[in-house]
Amino acid sequence: MSRKSLYVGRSGQMAVMAEFLIRGYNVAVPEVDVGDDIFVVKDSSGDYARVQVKTALAAETRNGYSARYTVRFSQLEVQSVPEIWYIFANRLTNRWVSFVVISRQDLYDLYDLYGIGSLNRTGLLSLYFAYSADSVVCSGQNLGSFLNNWDDWPPIEHE
């Protein structure tokens, strides 16, 4: 992995952490990364979520922008409690432009039912997202309902 990739990946993780923090959730980075980049905690209840962040430097296209990601298929096909969430972060030119927020189950169902992405021999699922206006498409499937969808983490008012 190149040094640039390390910086890009970590910056996406920090951008996602900042979004959770501004919403009033606590975040933690596990000391050992075995598939979870961030733990997101609702302090009042102790409820938490496991988050895997995927970051791309998006490329401009004629109708918007696009980004490529890879996901370990072995993580995608195993159910877990609590559920793993994938957040696909996009950096275009000099700003963060969008986040696709999707549960492991929803991403797996999209692969299983509609064949999104391309699974290679090494067990990585490659995903190509094409963004335009307020939509995102992967393998012909509209993922617009997941675009910037933070509904599972509504803002918390702290005093």
Foldseek 3Di string as FASTA:
>chain_A
DDPVLVVQQVVQVVVVCVVLVQLPWHKDADPDCPPFGIWTADVVVRDIEGEDEWEFAWAADPAGTKGKTKDQQVLLVDADVPWYWYWYWYHYDHGTDWIQIGTSVVVVCCCVVPNFADADPVRIGMWMWDDHDQWIDTNRDISSCRINDPVVRGRDDDD
